[in-house]
Amino acid sequence: MSVLRRDDVKFHYSDGSHRWIPPDPDHDQRAWEEQVHRHKQEHLRNAQPEVRIQRLT
């Protein structure tokens, strides 16, 4: 699970999905998409993998 920071809210809809259309209609679409890609990379860097421990018998 990754950690959400306060400024991450602008990149998400209320259901948690990523916002690929900028909230400000005057914002450059390509620049916004690059920001969302970087934001998603942050999710991956901050994600903590689930570790399963198996007991050998």
N, C-alpha and C. Protein backbone atom coordinates (compact mmCIF):
# COMPACT_ATOMS: atom_id res chain seq x y z
N MET A 1 0.85 -1.17 0.00
CA MET A 1 0.00 0.00 0.00
C MET A 1 0.90 1.23 0.00
N SER A 2 0.54 2.24 -0.78
CA SER A 2 1.36 3.44 -0.82
C SER A 2 0.77 4.51 0.10
N VAL A 3 1.57 5.52 0.34
CA VAL A 3 1.17 6.59 1.25
C VAL A 3 0.69 7.77 0.43
N LEU A 4 -0.45 8.35 0.81
CA LEU A 4 -0.95 9.54 0.13
C LEU A 4 -0.56 10.77 0.93
N ARG A 5 -0.05 11.75 0.22
CA ARG A 5 0.28 13.02 0.84
C ARG A 5 -0.84 14.01 0.58
N ARG A 6 -0.82 15.11 1.31
CA ARG A 6 -1.88 16.11 1.19
C ARG A 6 -2.01 16.63 -0.24
N ASP A 7 -0.91 16.88 -0.92
CA ASP A 7 -0.97 17.44 -2.27
C ASP A 7 -1.31 16.39 -3.33
N ASP A 8 -1.47 15.12 -2.95
CA ASP A 8 -1.86 14.07 -3.90
C ASP A 8 -3.34 14.14 -4.26
N VAL A 9 -4.13 14.85 -3.49
CA VAL A 9 -5.58 14.88 -3.70
C VAL A 9 -5.93 15.35 -5.11
N LYS A 10 -5.17 16.30 -5.64
CA LYS A 10 -5.50 16.83 -6.96
C LYS A 10 -5.36 15.78 -8.07
N PHE A 11 -4.64 14.71 -7.80
CA PHE A 11 -4.43 13.67 -8.80
C PHE A 11 -5.46 12.55 -8.74
N HIS A 12 -6.40 12.61 -7.78
CA HIS A 12 -7.36 11.53 -7.59
C HIS A 12 -8.80 12.01 -7.59
N TYR A 13 -9.66 11.16 -8.11
CA TYR A 13 -11.10 11.36 -7.95
C TYR A 13 -11.49 10.79 -6.59
N SER A 14 -12.71 11.02 -6.17
CA SER A 14 -13.14 10.56 -4.85
C SER A 14 -13.11 9.04 -4.71
N ASP A 15 -13.17 8.32 -5.82
CA ASP A 15 -13.12 6.85 -5.75
C ASP A 15 -11.69 6.32 -5.73
N GLY A 16 -10.69 7.22 -5.75
CA GLY A 16 -9.30 6.81 -5.69
C GLY A 16 -8.64 6.64 -7.05
N SER A 17 -9.42 6.69 -8.12
CA SER A 17 -8.83 6.56 -9.45
C SER A 17 -8.06 7.84 -9.80
N HIS A 18 -7.15 7.71 -10.76
CA HIS A 18 -6.33 8.86 -11.14
C HIS A 18 -7.06 9.76 -12.12
N ARG A 19 -6.84 11.03 -11.94
CA ARG A 19 -7.47 12.08 -12.75
C ARG A 19 -6.56 12.40 -13.93
N TRP A 20 -6.95 11.95 -15.12
CA TRP A 20 -6.12 12.17 -16.31
C TRP A 20 -6.46 13.47 -17.02
N ILE A 21 -7.54 14.11 -16.63
CA ILE A 21 -7.91 15.41 -17.19
C ILE A 21 -7.65 16.44 -16.10
N PRO A 22 -6.92 17.50 -16.40
CA PRO A 22 -6.58 18.46 -15.36
C PRO A 22 -7.82 19.14 -14.77
N PRO A 23 -7.81 19.40 -13.46
CA PRO A 23 -8.95 20.05 -12.84
C PRO A 23 -9.15 21.49 -13.34
N ASP A 24 -8.06 22.13 -13.77
CA ASP A 24 -8.14 23.48 -14.32
C ASP A 24 -8.17 23.37 -15.85
N PRO A 25 -9.25 23.82 -16.49
CA PRO A 25 -9.34 23.67 -17.95
C PRO A 25 -8.26 24.43 -18.71
N ASP A 26 -7.61 25.40 -18.08
CA ASP A 26 -6.55 26.16 -18.75
C ASP A 26 -5.18 25.49 -18.61
N HIS A 27 -5.12 24.41 -17.86
CA HIS A 27 -3.85 23.71 -17.66
C HIS A 27 -3.51 22.91 -18.91
N ASP A 28 -2.24 22.88 -19.28
CA ASP A 28 -1.78 22.14 -20.45
C ASP A 28 -1.95 20.63 -20.22
N GLN A 29 -2.66 19.97 -21.13
CA GLN A 29 -2.96 18.54 -20.98
C GLN A 29 -1.70 17.69 -20.93
N ARG A 30 -0.75 17.96 -21.81
CA ARG A 30 0.48 17.15 -21.82
C ARG A 30 1.26 17.31 -20.53
N ALA A 31 1.34 18.53 -20.04
CA ALA A 31 2.05 18.77 -18.78
C ALA A 31 1.34 18.05 -17.64
N TRP A 32 0.01 18.06 -17.65
CA TRP A 32 -0.76 17.38 -16.59
C TRP A 32 -0.50 15.88 -16.64
N GLU A 33 -0.54 15.31 -17.84
CA GLU A 33 -0.31 13.86 -17.96
C GLU A 33 1.08 13.48 -17.44
N GLU A 34 2.07 14.33 -17.70
CA GLU A 34 3.42 14.06 -17.19
C GLU A 34 3.42 14.10 -15.66
N GLN A 35 2.70 15.05 -15.08
CA GLN A 35 2.60 15.13 -13.62
C GLN A 35 1.93 13.88 -13.05
N VAL A 36 0.88 13.41 -13.72
CA VAL A 36 0.18 12.21 -13.24
C VAL A 36 1.10 10.99 -13.34
N HIS A 37 1.86 10.89 -14.42
CA HIS A 37 2.81 9.78 -14.55
C HIS A 37 3.84 9.81 -13.42
N ARG A 38 4.38 10.99 -13.13
CA ARG A 38 5.35 11.10 -12.03
C ARG A 38 4.68 10.75 -10.70
N HIS A 39 3.44 11.19 -10.52
CA HIS A 39 2.69 10.88 -9.30
C HIS A 39 2.52 9.36 -9.14
N LYS A 40 2.18 8.69 -10.24
CA LYS A 40 2.00 7.24 -10.18
C LYS A 40 3.33 6.54 -9.87
N GLN A 41 4.44 7.07 -10.38
CA GLN A 41 5.75 6.52 -10.05
C GLN A 41 6.03 6.66 -8.56
N GLU A 42 5.60 7.77 -7.96
CA GLU A 42 5.74 7.94 -6.51
C GLU A 42 4.97 6.87 -5.76
N HIS A 43 3.77 6.53 -6.26
CA HIS A 43 3.00 5.45 -5.64
C HIS A 43 3.83 4.17 -5.62
N LEU A 44 4.45 3.87 -6.75
CA LEU A 44 5.23 2.64 -6.85
C LEU A 44 6.45 2.67 -5.94
N ARG A 45 7.12 3.82 -5.85
CA ARG A 45 8.29 3.93 -4.99
C ARG A 45 7.92 3.81 -3.52
N ASN A 46 6.74 4.31 -3.16
CA ASN A 46 6.33 4.32 -1.76
C ASN A 46 5.53 3.08 -1.36
N ALA A 47 5.25 2.23 -2.34
CA ALA A 47 4.45 1.04 -2.04
C ALA A 47 5.26 0.07 -1.19
N GLN A 48 4.59 -0.53 -0.26
CA GLN A 48 5.22 -1.54 0.58
C GLN A 48 4.69 -2.89 0.16
N PRO A 49 5.53 -3.71 -0.41
CA PRO A 49 5.05 -5.02 -0.88
C PRO A 49 4.57 -5.88 0.28
N GLU A 50 3.54 -6.63 0.00
CA GLU A 50 3.05 -7.58 1.00
C GLU A 50 3.99 -8.78 1.01
N VAL A 51 4.37 -9.17 2.16
CA VAL A 51 5.29 -10.31 2.29
C VAL A 51 4.52 -11.46 2.90
N ARG A 52 4.59 -12.58 2.25
CA ARG A 52 3.94 -13.78 2.78
C ARG A 52 5.01 -14.68 3.35
N ILE A 53 4.80 -15.08 4.53
CA ILE A 53 5.75 -15.99 5.19
C ILE A 53 5.12 -17.38 5.19
N GLN A 54 5.86 -18.30 4.62
CA GLN A 54 5.39 -19.68 4.60
C GLN A 54 6.21 -20.48 5.59
N ARG A 55 5.53 -21.27 6.30
CA ARG A 55 6.21 -22.13 7.25
C ARG A 55 6.52 -23.46 6.60
N LEU A 56 7.78 -23.82 6.63
CA LEU A 56 8.18 -25.10 6.04
C LEU A 56 8.00 -26.19 7.07
N THR A 57 7.39 -27.27 6.64
CA THR A 57 7.18 -28.39 7.56
C THR A 57 7.90 -29.62 7.08
